[in-house]
Amino acid sequence: VLVAPVASTDAIAMLRPLVDEVVCPLVPDALSSIGEWYSDFGQTS
């Protein structure tokens, strides 16, 4: 089961045939970076 809060349409199209289920609540029409969809996207140490 592929799980992510946000993904590009291209990524989902590529990955969906490779897995049994996709859980991704936000797939915007345009996505230039993941960080733009978060208020806080500070680096995880």
PDB file of all heavy atoms in Angstrom:
ATOM      1  N   VAL A   1       0.859  -1.178   0.000  1.00  0.00           N
ATOM      2  CA  VAL A   1       0.000   0.000   0.000  1.00  0.00           C
ATOM      3  C   VAL A   1       0.902   1.238   0.000  1.00  0.00           C
ATOM      4  O   VAL A   1       1.692   1.436   0.923  1.00  0.00           O
ATOM      5  CB  VAL A   1      -0.926   0.034   1.230  1.00  0.00           C
ATOM      6  CG1 VAL A   1      -1.865   1.239   1.164  1.00  0.00           C
ATOM      7  CG2 VAL A   1      -1.715  -1.263   1.333  1.00  0.00           C
ATOM      8  N   LEU A   2       0.808   2.040  -1.045  1.00  0.00           N
ATOM      9  CA  LEU A   2       1.589   3.265  -1.145  1.00  0.00           C
ATOM     10  C   LEU A   2       0.845   4.363  -0.386  1.00  0.00           C
ATOM     11  O   LEU A   2      -0.334   4.609  -0.653  1.00  0.00           O
ATOM     12  CB  LEU A   2       1.771   3.637  -2.613  1.00  0.00           C
ATOM     13  CG  LEU A   2       2.670   4.826  -2.953  1.00  0.00           C
ATOM     14  CD1 LEU A   2       3.212   4.676  -4.368  1.00  0.00           C
ATOM     15  CD2 LEU A   2       1.933   6.152  -2.829  1.00  0.00           C
ATOM     16  N   VAL A   3       1.535   5.031   0.535  1.00  0.00           N
ATOM     17  CA  VAL A   3       0.898   6.022   1.401  1.00  0.00           C
ATOM     18  C   VAL A   3       1.696   7.321   1.382  1.00  0.00           C
ATOM     19  O   VAL A   3       2.889   7.332   1.686  1.00  0.00           O
ATOM     20  CB  VAL A   3       0.800   5.498   2.852  1.00  0.00           C
ATOM     21  CG1 VAL A   3       0.067   6.504   3.728  1.00  0.00           C
ATOM     22  CG2 VAL A   3       0.106   4.137   2.906  1.00  0.00           C
ATOM     23  N   ALA A   4       1.029   8.431   1.033  1.00  0.00           N
ATOM     24  CA  ALA A   4       1.655   9.745   1.068  1.00  0.00           C
ATOM     25  C   ALA A   4       0.548  10.792   1.176  1.00  0.00           C
ATOM     26  O   ALA A   4      -0.542  10.599   0.634  1.00  0.00           O
ATOM     27  CB  ALA A   4       2.491   9.994  -0.185  1.00  0.00           C
ATOM     28  N   PRO A   5       0.821  11.910   1.843  1.00  0.00           N
ATOM     29  CA  PRO A   5      -0.211  12.944   1.954  1.00  0.00           C
ATOM     30  C   PRO A   5      -0.418  13.733   0.667  1.00  0.00           C
ATOM     31  O   PRO A   5      -1.514  14.212   0.401  1.00  0.00           O
ATOM     32  CB  PRO A   5       0.314  13.844   3.075  1.00  0.00           C
ATOM     33  CG  PRO A   5       1.790  13.617   3.079  1.00  0.00           C
ATOM     34  CD  PRO A   5       2.002  12.204   2.660  1.00  0.00           C
ATOM     35  N   VAL A   6       0.638  13.862  -0.151  1.00  0.00           N
ATOM     36  CA  VAL A   6       0.559  14.668  -1.370  1.00  0.00           C
ATOM     37  C   VAL A   6       1.489  14.070  -2.417  1.00  0.00           C
ATOM     38  O   VAL A   6       2.559  13.552  -2.087  1.00  0.00           O
ATOM     39  CB  VAL A   6       0.913  16.150  -1.080  1.00  0.00           C
ATOM     40  CG1 VAL A   6       2.308  16.286  -0.472  1.00  0.00           C
ATOM     41  CG2 VAL A   6       0.796  16.998  -2.338  1.00  0.00           C
ATOM     42  N   ALA A   7       1.054  14.128  -3.680  1.00  0.00           N
ATOM     43  CA  ALA A   7       1.872  13.585  -4.762  1.00  0.00           C
ATOM     44  C   ALA A   7       1.493  14.264  -6.062  1.00  0.00           C
ATOM     45  O   ALA A   7       0.383  14.781  -6.220  1.00  0.00           O
ATOM     46  CB  ALA A   7       1.678  12.078  -4.883  1.00  0.00           C
ATOM     47  N   SER A   8       2.425  14.249  -7.004  1.00  0.00           N
ATOM     48  CA  SER A   8       2.142  14.770  -8.339  1.00  0.00           C
ATOM     49  C   SER A   8       1.310  13.760  -9.122  1.00  0.00           C
ATOM     50  O   SER A   8       1.333  12.558  -8.838  1.00  0.00           O
ATOM     51  CB  SER A   8       3.448  15.048  -9.088  1.00  0.00           C
ATOM     52  OG  SER A   8       4.114  13.830  -9.392  1.00  0.00           O
ATOM     53  N   THR A   9       0.591  14.240 -10.115  1.00  0.00           N
ATOM     54  CA  THR A   9      -0.197  13.336 -10.961  1.00  0.00           C
ATOM     55  C   THR A   9       0.717  12.363 -11.698  1.00  0.00           C
ATOM     56  O   THR A   9       0.366  11.195 -11.879  1.00  0.00           O
ATOM     57  CB  THR A   9      -1.039  14.132 -11.966  1.00  0.00           C
ATOM     58  OG1 THR A   9      -0.181  14.996 -12.732  1.00  0.00           O
ATOM     59  CG2 THR A   9      -2.083  14.983 -11.262  1.00  0.00           C
ATOM     60  N   ASP A  10       1.892  12.827 -12.128  1.00  0.00           N
ATOM     61  CA  ASP A  10       2.830  11.950 -12.839  1.00  0.00           C
ATOM     62  C   ASP A  10       3.319  10.825 -11.934  1.00  0.00           C
ATOM     63  O   ASP A  10       3.446   9.671 -12.365  1.00  0.00           O
ATOM     64  CB  ASP A  10       4.029  12.747 -13.361  1.00  0.00           C
ATOM     65  CG  ASP A  10       3.683  13.615 -14.558  1.00  0.00           C
ATOM     66  OD1 ASP A  10       2.598  13.428 -15.144  1.00  0.00           O
ATOM     67  OD2 ASP A  10       4.495  14.490 -14.907  1.00  0.00           O
ATOM     68  N   ALA A  11       3.635  11.165 -10.674  1.00  0.00           N
ATOM     69  CA  ALA A  11       4.119  10.138  -9.743  1.00  0.00           C
ATOM     70  C   ALA A  11       3.048   9.080  -9.498  1.00  0.00           C
ATOM     71  O   ALA A  11       3.333   7.877  -9.503  1.00  0.00           O
ATOM     72  CB  ALA A  11       4.545  10.778  -8.424  1.00  0.00           C
ATOM     73  N   ILE A  12       1.823   9.514  -9.299  1.00  0.00           N
ATOM     74  CA  ILE A  12       0.735   8.569  -9.050  1.00  0.00           C
ATOM     75  C   ILE A  12       0.508   7.685 -10.276  1.00  0.00           C
ATOM     76  O   ILE A  12       0.325   6.462 -10.166  1.00  0.00           O
ATOM     77  CB  ILE A  12      -0.553   9.309  -8.661  1.00  0.00           C
ATOM     78  CG1 ILE A  12      -0.399   9.981  -7.285  1.00  0.00           C
ATOM     79  CG2 ILE A  12      -1.745   8.361  -8.658  1.00  0.00           C
ATOM     80  CD1 ILE A  12      -0.206   9.022  -6.140  1.00  0.00           C
ATOM     81  N   ALA A  13       0.536   8.295 -11.462  1.00  0.00           N
ATOM     82  CA  ALA A  13       0.325   7.519 -12.687  1.00  0.00           C
ATOM     83  C   ALA A  13       1.402   6.462 -12.861  1.00  0.00           C
ATOM     84  O   ALA A  13       1.124   5.342 -13.320  1.00  0.00           O
ATOM     85  CB  ALA A  13       0.299   8.461 -13.891  1.00  0.00           C
ATOM     86  N   MET A  14       2.640   6.784 -12.503  1.00  0.00           N
ATOM     87  CA  MET A  14       3.739   5.831 -12.638  1.00  0.00           C
ATOM     88  C   MET A  14       3.653   4.722 -11.599  1.00  0.00           C
ATOM     89  O   MET A  14       3.899   3.548 -11.893  1.00  0.00           O
ATOM     90  CB  MET A  14       5.081   6.547 -12.492  1.00  0.00           C
ATOM     91  CG  MET A  14       6.279   5.608 -12.521  1.00  0.00           C
ATOM     92  SD  MET A  14       7.866   6.434 -12.278  1.00  0.00           S
ATOM     93  CE  MET A  14       7.743   6.981 -10.581  1.00  0.00           C
ATOM     94  N   LEU A  15       3.276   5.076 -10.365  1.00  0.00           N
ATOM     95  CA  LEU A  15       3.370   4.136  -9.258  1.00  0.00           C
ATOM     96  C   LEU A  15       2.132   3.266  -9.076  1.00  0.00           C
ATOM     97  O   LEU A  15       2.238   2.134  -8.594  1.00  0.00           O
ATOM     98  CB  LEU A  15       3.640   4.901  -7.959  1.00  0.00           C
ATOM     99  CG  LEU A  15       5.016   5.565  -7.871  1.00  0.00           C
ATOM    100  CD1 LEU A  15       5.036   6.601  -6.756  1.00  0.00           C
ATOM    101  CD2 LEU A  15       6.099   4.528  -7.649  1.00  0.00           C
ATOM    102  N   ARG A  16       0.974   3.756  -9.459  1.00  0.00           N
ATOM    103  CA  ARG A  16      -0.264   3.025  -9.191  1.00  0.00           C
ATOM    104  C   ARG A  16      -0.252   1.606  -9.766  1.00  0.00           C
ATOM    105  O   ARG A  16      -0.710   0.666  -9.098  1.00  0.00           O
ATOM    106  CB  ARG A  16      -1.469   3.813  -9.709  1.00  0.00           C
ATOM    107  CG  ARG A  16      -2.791   3.141  -9.389  1.00  0.00           C
ATOM    108  CD  ARG A  16      -3.970   4.072  -9.466  1.00  0.00           C
ATOM    109  NE  ARG A  16      -3.854   5.076 -10.499  1.00  0.00           N
ATOM    110  CZ  ARG A  16      -4.720   6.078 -10.646  1.00  0.00           C
ATOM    111  NH1 ARG A  16      -5.732   6.192  -9.807  1.00  0.00           N
ATOM    112  NH2 ARG A  16      -4.582   6.952 -11.621  1.00  0.00           N
ATOM    113  N   PRO A  17       0.285   1.379 -10.984  1.00  0.00           N
ATOM    114  CA  PRO A  17       0.303  -0.004 -11.493  1.00  0.00           C
ATOM    115  C   PRO A  17       1.259  -0.935 -10.743  1.00  0.00           C
ATOM    116  O   PRO A  17       1.180  -2.153 -10.907  1.00  0.00           O
ATOM    117  CB  PRO A  17       0.755   0.169 -12.956  1.00  0.00           C
ATOM    118  CG  PRO A  17       0.537   1.600 -13.287  1.00  0.00           C
ATOM    119  CD  PRO A  17       0.748   2.333 -12.015  1.00  0.00           C
ATOM    120  N   LEU A  18       2.159  -0.364  -9.942  1.00  0.00           N
ATOM    121  CA  LEU A  18       3.187  -1.165  -9.280  1.00  0.00           C
ATOM    122  C   LEU A  18       2.786  -1.646  -7.894  1.00  0.00           C
ATOM    123  O   LEU A  18       3.489  -2.468  -7.300  1.00  0.00           O
ATOM    124  CB  LEU A  18       4.485  -0.353  -9.166  1.00  0.00           C
ATOM    125  CG  LEU A  18       5.032   0.260 -10.454  1.00  0.00           C
ATOM    126  CD1 LEU A  18       6.307   1.039 -10.162  1.00  0.00           C
ATOM    127  CD2 LEU A  18       5.283  -0.814 -11.505  1.00  0.00           C
ATOM    128  N   VAL A  19       1.682  -1.106  -7.355  1.00  0.00           N
ATOM    129  CA  VAL A  19       1.277  -1.421  -5.985  1.00  0.00           C
ATOM    130  C   VAL A  19      -0.162  -1.925  -5.977  1.00  0.00           C
ATOM    131  O   VAL A  19      -0.861  -1.878  -6.990  1.00  0.00           O
ATOM    132  CB  VAL A  19       1.433  -0.195  -5.055  1.00  0.00           C
ATOM    133  CG1 VAL A  19       2.888   0.244  -4.993  1.00  0.00           C
ATOM    134  CG2 VAL A  19       0.538   0.965  -5.510  1.00  0.00           C
ATOM    135  N   ASP A  20      -0.605  -2.384  -4.816  1.00  0.00           N
ATOM    136  CA  ASP A  20      -1.957  -2.920  -4.695  1.00  0.00           C
ATOM    137  C   ASP A  20      -2.982  -1.859  -4.319  1.00  0.00           C
ATOM    138  O   ASP A  20      -4.169  -2.017  -4.599  1.00  0.00           O
ATOM    139  CB  ASP A  20      -1.958  -4.039  -3.646  1.00  0.00           C
ATOM    140  CG  ASP A  20      -1.019  -5.172  -4.036  1.00  0.00           C
ATOM    141  OD1 ASP A  20      -1.358  -5.922  -4.964  1.00  0.00           O
ATOM    142  OD2 ASP A  20       0.072  -5.276  -3.431  1.00  0.00           O
ATOM    143  N   GLU A  21      -2.519  -0.802  -3.675  1.00  0.00           N
ATOM    144  CA  GLU A  21      -3.431   0.261  -3.249  1.00  0.00           C
ATOM    145  C   GLU A  21      -2.639   1.549  -3.097  1.00  0.00           C
ATOM    146  O   GLU A  21      -1.468   1.532  -2.703  1.00  0.00           O
ATOM    147  CB  GLU A  21      -4.106  -0.107  -1.918  1.00  0.00           C
ATOM    148  CG  GLU A  21      -5.112   0.910  -1.433  1.00  0.00           C
ATOM    149  CD  GLU A  21      -5.785   0.519  -0.116  1.00  0.00           C
ATOM    150  OE1 GLU A  21      -5.418  -0.540   0.440  1.00  0.00           O
ATOM    151  OE2 GLU A  21      -6.639   1.280   0.355  1.00  0.00           O
ATOM    152  N   VAL A  22      -3.289   2.670  -3.414  1.00  0.00           N
ATOM    153  CA  VAL A  22      -2.701   3.990  -3.219  1.00  0.00           C
ATOM    154  C   VAL A  22      -3.594   4.779  -2.269  1.00  0.00           C
ATOM    155  O   VAL A  22      -4.805   4.880  -2.488  1.00  0.00           O
ATOM    156  CB  VAL A  22      -2.564   4.762  -4.554  1.00  0.00           C
ATOM    157  CG1 VAL A  22      -2.139   6.204  -4.298  1.00  0.00           C
ATOM    158  CG2 VAL A  22      -1.559   4.080  -5.466  1.00  0.00           C
ATOM    159  N   VAL A  23      -3.008   5.323  -1.196  1.00  0.00           N
ATOM    160  CA  VAL A  23      -3.715   6.209  -0.284  1.00  0.00           C
ATOM    161  C   VAL A  23      -2.984   7.544  -0.298  1.00  0.00           C
ATOM    162  O   VAL A  23      -1.909   7.692   0.298  1.00  0.00           O
ATOM    163  CB  VAL A  23      -3.774   5.623   1.139  1.00  0.00           C
ATOM    164  CG1 VAL A  23      -4.448   6.605   2.091  1.00  0.00           C
ATOM    165  CG2 VAL A  23      -4.523   4.293   1.138  1.00  0.00           C
ATOM    166  N   CYS A  24      -3.543   8.501  -1.030  1.00  0.00           N
ATOM    167  CA  CYS A  24      -2.932   9.829  -1.178  1.00  0.00           C
ATOM    168  C   CYS A  24      -4.064  10.844  -1.326  1.00  0.00           C
ATOM    169  O   CYS A  24      -4.669  10.941  -2.394  1.00  0.00           O
ATOM    170  CB  CYS A  24      -2.009   9.854  -2.390  1.00  0.00           C
ATOM    171  SG  CYS A  24      -1.157  11.439  -2.606  1.00  0.00           S
ATOM    172  N   PRO A  25      -4.365  11.585  -0.267  1.00  0.00           N
ATOM    173  CA  PRO A  25      -5.530  12.463  -0.289  1.00  0.00           C
ATOM    174  C   PRO A  25      -5.376  13.735  -1.112  1.00  0.00           C
ATOM    175  O   PRO A  25      -6.360  14.396  -1.400  1.00  0.00           O
ATOM    176  CB  PRO A  25      -5.747  12.796   1.185  1.00  0.00           C
ATOM    177  CG  PRO A  25      -4.405  12.635   1.817  1.00  0.00           C
ATOM    178  CD  PRO A  25      -3.732  11.524   1.060  1.00  0.00           C
ATOM    179  N   LEU A  26      -4.153  14.103  -1.490  1.00  0.00           N
ATOM    180  CA  LEU A  26      -3.945  15.357  -2.211  1.00  0.00           C
ATOM    181  C   LEU A  26      -3.077  15.108  -3.443  1.00  0.00           C
ATOM    182  O   LEU A  26      -1.891  14.798  -3.328  1.00  0.00           O
ATOM    183  CB  LEU A  26      -3.273  16.386  -1.285  1.00  0.00           C
ATOM    184  CG  LEU A  26      -2.998  17.775  -1.855  1.00  0.00           C
ATOM    185  CD1 LEU A  26      -4.291  18.439  -2.329  1.00  0.00           C
ATOM    186  CD2 LEU A  26      -2.302  18.648  -0.814  1.00  0.00           C
ATOM    187  N   VAL A  27      -3.689  15.228  -4.624  1.00  0.00           N
ATOM    188  CA  VAL A  27      -2.970  15.072  -5.891  1.00  0.00           C
ATOM    189  C   VAL A  27      -3.278  16.306  -6.740  1.00  0.00           C
ATOM    190  O   VAL A  27      -4.189  16.297  -7.566  1.00  0.00           O
ATOM    191  CB  VAL A  27      -3.378  13.777  -6.625  1.00  0.00           C
ATOM    192  CG1 VAL A  27      -2.502  13.574  -7.870  1.00  0.00           C
ATOM    193  CG2 VAL A  27      -3.264  12.562  -5.715  1.00  0.00           C
ATOM    194  N   PRO A  28      -2.538  17.401  -6.523  1.00  0.00           N
ATOM    195  CA  PRO A  28      -2.832  18.641  -7.242  1.00  0.00           C
ATOM    196  C   PRO A  28      -2.501  18.545  -8.727  1.00  0.00           C
ATOM    197  O   PRO A  28      -1.647  17.753  -9.136  1.00  0.00           O
ATOM    198  CB  PRO A  28      -1.928  19.667  -6.546  1.00  0.00           C
ATOM    199  CG  PRO A  28      -0.822  18.866  -5.953  1.00  0.00           C
ATOM    200  CD  PRO A  28      -1.415  17.542  -5.583  1.00  0.00           C
ATOM    201  N   ASP A  29      -3.185  19.348  -9.521  1.00  0.00           N
ATOM    202  CA  ASP A  29      -2.932  19.355 -10.966  1.00  0.00           C
ATOM    203  C   ASP A  29      -1.515  19.820 -11.282  1.00  0.00           C
ATOM    204  O   ASP A  29      -0.910  19.368 -12.252  1.00  0.00           O
ATOM    205  CB  ASP A  29      -3.939  20.273 -11.672  1.00  0.00           C
ATOM    206  CG  ASP A  29      -5.353  19.725 -11.620  1.00  0.00           C
ATOM    207  OD1 ASP A  29      -5.495  18.487 -11.523  1.00  0.00           O
ATOM    208  OD2 ASP A  29      -6.306  20.518 -11.640  1.00  0.00           O
ATOM    209  N   ALA A  30      -0.996  20.734 -10.470  1.00  0.00           N
ATOM    210  CA  ALA A  30       0.374  21.234 -10.668  1.00  0.00           C
ATOM    211  C   ALA A  30       1.131  21.136  -9.354  1.00  0.00           C
ATOM    212  O   ALA A  30       0.630  21.563  -8.311  1.00  0.00           O
ATOM    213  CB  ALA A  30       0.351  22.678 -11.151  1.00  0.00           C
ATOM    214  N   LEU A  31       2.319  20.545  -9.395  1.00  0.00           N
ATOM    215  CA  LEU A  31       3.145  20.400  -8.202  1.00  0.00           C
ATOM    216  C   LEU A  31       4.586  20.616  -8.596  1.00  0.00           C
ATOM    217  O   LEU A  31       5.155  19.818  -9.352  1.00  0.00           O
ATOM    218  CB  LEU A  31       2.949  19.009  -7.587  1.00  0.00           C
ATOM    219  CG  LEU A  31       3.640  18.722  -6.243  1.00  0.00           C
ATOM    220  CD1 LEU A  31       2.851  17.699  -5.429  1.00  0.00           C
ATOM    221  CD2 LEU A  31       5.066  18.223  -6.442  1.00  0.00           C
ATOM    222  N   SER A  32       5.177  21.707  -8.093  1.00  0.00           N
ATOM    223  CA  SER A  32       6.584  21.974  -8.410  1.00  0.00           C
ATOM    224  C   SER A  32       7.502  21.489  -7.302  1.00  0.00           C
ATOM    225  O   SER A  32       8.660  21.155  -7.552  1.00  0.00           O
ATOM    226  CB  SER A  32       6.802  23.475  -8.655  1.00  0.00           C
ATOM    227  OG  SER A  32       6.412  24.235  -7.531  1.00  0.00           O
ATOM    228  N   SER A  33       6.998  21.455  -6.060  1.00  0.00           N
ATOM    229  CA  SER A  33       7.782  20.908  -4.950  1.00  0.00           C
ATOM    230  C   SER A  33       6.828  20.460  -3.853  1.00  0.00           C
ATOM    231  O   SER A  33       5.716  20.995  -3.717  1.00  0.00           O
ATOM    232  CB  SER A  33       8.758  21.949  -4.387  1.00  0.00           C
ATOM    233  OG  SER A  33       8.062  22.953  -3.668  1.00  0.00           O
ATOM    234  N   ILE A  34       7.261  19.462  -3.056  1.00  0.00           N
ATOM    235  CA  ILE A  34       6.432  18.982  -1.960  1.00  0.00           C
ATOM    236  C   ILE A  34       6.274  20.058  -0.884  1.00  0.00           C
ATOM    237  O   ILE A  34       5.196  20.244  -0.328  1.00  0.00           O
ATOM    238  CB  ILE A  34       7.041  17.707  -1.345  1.00  0.00           C
ATOM    239  CG1 ILE A  34       7.117  16.585  -2.394  1.00  0.00           C
ATOM    240  CG2 ILE A  34       6.244  17.239  -0.140  1.00  0.00           C
ATOM    241  CD1 ILE A  34       5.794  16.204  -2.985  1.00  0.00           C
ATOM    242  N   GLY A  35       7.342  20.782  -0.615  1.00  0.00           N
ATOM    243  CA  GLY A  35       7.322  21.775   0.454  1.00  0.00           C
ATOM    244  C   GLY A  35       6.258  22.851   0.291  1.00  0.00           C
ATOM    245  O   GLY A  35       5.783  23.410   1.282  1.00  0.00           O
ATOM    246  N   GLU A  36       5.857  23.154  -0.941  1.00  0.00           N
ATOM    247  CA  GLU A  36       4.867  24.208  -1.161  1.00  0.00           C
ATOM    248  C   GLU A  36       3.492  23.828  -0.620  1.00  0.00           C
ATOM    249  O   GLU A  36       2.630  24.688  -0.442  1.00  0.00           O
ATOM    250  CB  GLU A  36       4.759  24.543  -2.650  1.00  0.00           C
ATOM    251  CG  GLU A  36       4.145  23.448  -3.501  1.00  0.00           C
ATOM    252  CD  GLU A  36       4.087  23.803  -4.980  1.00  0.00           C
ATOM    253  OE1 GLU A  36       3.792  24.957  -5.311  1.00  0.00           O
ATOM    254  OE2 GLU A  36       4.362  22.898  -5.799  1.00  0.00           O
ATOM    255  N   TRP A  37       3.281  22.537  -0.334  1.00  0.00           N
ATOM    256  CA  TRP A  37       1.983  22.078   0.160  1.00  0.00           C
ATOM    257  C   TRP A  37       1.970  21.900   1.675  1.00  0.00           C
ATOM    258  O   TRP A  37       0.987  21.427   2.236  1.00  0.00           O
ATOM    259  CB  TRP A  37       1.578  20.781  -0.545  1.00  0.00           C
ATOM    260  CG  TRP A  37       1.367  21.042  -2.007  1.00  0.00           C
ATOM    261  CD1 TRP A  37       2.273  20.899  -3.021  1.00  0.00           C
ATOM    262  CD2 TRP A  37       0.185  21.569  -2.606  1.00  0.00           C
ATOM    263  NE1 TRP A  37       1.727  21.298  -4.215  1.00  0.00           N
ATOM    264  CE2 TRP A  37       0.443  21.709  -4.000  1.00  0.00           C
ATOM    265  CE3 TRP A  37      -1.070  21.932  -2.121  1.00  0.00           C
ATOM    266  CZ2 TRP A  37      -0.511  22.211  -4.883  1.00  0.00           C
ATOM    267  CZ3 TRP A  37      -2.022  22.413  -3.002  1.00  0.00           C
ATOM    268  CH2 TRP A  37      -1.737  22.549  -4.353  1.00  0.00           C
ATOM    269  N   TYR A  38       3.048  22.278   2.340  1.00  0.00           N
ATOM    270  CA  TYR A  38       3.153  22.233   3.798  1.00  0.00           C
ATOM    271  C   TYR A  38       3.358  23.632   4.361  1.00  0.00           C
ATOM    272  O   TYR A  38       4.052  24.461   3.757  1.00  0.00           O
ATOM    273  CB  TYR A  38       4.370  21.405   4.221  1.00  0.00           C
ATOM    274  CG  TYR A  38       4.209  19.909   4.214  1.00  0.00           C
ATOM    275  CD1 TYR A  38       4.347  19.163   3.051  1.00  0.00           C
ATOM    276  CD2 TYR A  38       3.962  19.219   5.401  1.00  0.00           C
ATOM    277  CE1 TYR A  38       4.236  17.774   3.056  1.00  0.00           C
ATOM    278  CE2 TYR A  38       3.859  17.830   5.420  1.00  0.00           C
ATOM    279  CZ  TYR A  38       3.995  17.116   4.251  1.00  0.00           C
ATOM    280  OH  TYR A  38       3.895  15.739   4.258  1.00  0.00           O
ATOM    281  N   SER A  39       2.797  23.874   5.554  1.00  0.00           N
ATOM    282  CA  SER A  39       3.135  25.099   6.294  1.00  0.00           C
ATOM    283  C   SER A  39       4.528  24.975   6.901  1.00  0.00           C
ATOM    284  O   SER A  39       5.323  25.909   6.866  1.00  0.00           O
ATOM    285  CB  SER A  39       2.114  25.348   7.412  1.00  0.00           C
ATOM    286  OG  SER A  39       0.848  25.647   6.879  1.00  0.00           O
ATOM    287  N   ASP A  40       4.811  23.808   7.475  1.00  0.00           N
ATOM    288  CA  ASP A  40       6.121  23.533   8.078  1.00  0.00           C
ATOM    289  C   ASP A  40       6.697  22.297   7.397  1.00  0.00           C
ATOM    290  O   ASP A  40       6.210  21.189   7.606  1.00  0.00           O
ATOM    291  CB  ASP A  40       5.967  23.302   9.578  1.00  0.00           C
ATOM    292  CG  ASP A  40       7.296  22.966  10.266  1.00  0.00           C
ATOM    293  OD1 ASP A  40       8.337  22.919   9.569  1.00  0.00           O
ATOM    294  OD2 ASP A  40       7.296  22.735  11.483  1.00  0.00           O
ATOM    295  N   PHE A  41       7.746  22.504   6.589  1.00  0.00           N
ATOM    296  CA  PHE A  41       8.401  21.396   5.900  1.00  0.00           C
ATOM    297  C   PHE A  41       9.891  21.423   6.208  1.00  0.00           C
ATOM    298  O   PHE A  41      10.723  21.156   5.359  1.00  0.00           O
ATOM    299  CB  PHE A  41       8.145  21.492   4.394  1.00  0.00           C
ATOM    300  CG  PHE A  41       8.418  20.206   3.644  1.00  0.00           C
ATOM    301  CD1 PHE A  41       7.681  19.067   3.894  1.00  0.00           C
ATOM    302  CD2 PHE A  41       9.418  20.144   2.676  1.00  0.00           C
ATOM    303  CE1 PHE A  41       7.921  17.883   3.199  1.00  0.00           C
ATOM    304  CE2 PHE A  41       9.671  18.970   1.964  1.00  0.00           C
ATOM    305  CZ  PHE A  41       8.918  17.847   2.228  1.00  0.00           C
ATOM    306  N   GLY A  42      10.194  21.746   7.475  1.00  0.00           N
ATOM    307  CA  GLY A  42      11.586  21.774   7.894  1.00  0.00           C
ATOM    308  C   GLY A  42      12.222  20.403   7.775  1.00  0.00           C
ATOM    309  O   GLY A  42      11.542  19.373   7.868  1.00  0.00           O
ATOM    310  N   GLN A  43      13.528  20.388   7.553  1.00  0.00           N
ATOM    311  CA  GLN A  43      14.230  19.121   7.362  1.00  0.00           C
ATOM    312  C   GLN A  43      14.146  18.258   8.611  1.00  0.00           C
ATOM    313  O   GLN A  43      14.320  18.734   9.727  1.00  0.00           O
ATOM    314  CB  GLN A  43      15.696  19.380   6.998  1.00  0.00           C
ATOM    315  CG  GLN A  43      16.448  18.117   6.588  1.00  0.00           C
ATOM    316  CD  GLN A  43      17.865  18.446   6.137  1.00  0.00           C
ATOM    317  OE1 GLN A  43      18.685  18.887   6.925  1.00  0.00           O
ATOM    318  NE2 GLN A  43      18.150  18.227   4.869  1.00  0.00           N
ATOM    319  N   THR A  44      13.881  16.989   8.430  1.00  0.00           N
ATOM    320  CA  THR A  44      13.896  16.021   9.528  1.00  0.00           C
ATOM    321  C   THR A  44      15.345  15.608   9.781  1.00  0.00           C
ATOM    322  O   THR A  44      16.049  15.211   8.864  1.00  0.00           O
ATOM    323  CB  THR A  44      13.063  14.777   9.169  1.00  0.00           C
ATOM    324  OG1 THR A  44      11.735  15.177   8.839  1.00  0.00           O
ATOM    325  CG2 THR A  44      13.018  13.792  10.328  1.00  0.00           C
ATOM    326  N   SER A  45      15.778  15.716  11.032  1.00  0.00           N
ATOM    327  CA  SER A  45      17.175  15.422  11.355  1.00  0.00           C
ATOM    328  C   SER A  45      17.386  13.943  11.647  1.00  0.00           C
ATOM    329  O   SER A  45      16.443  13.201  11.941  1.00  0.00           O
ATOM    330  CB  SER A  45      17.612  16.232  12.581  1.00  0.00           C
ATOM    331  OG  SER A  45      16.921  15.774  13.740  1.00  0.00           O
TER     332      SER A  45
END
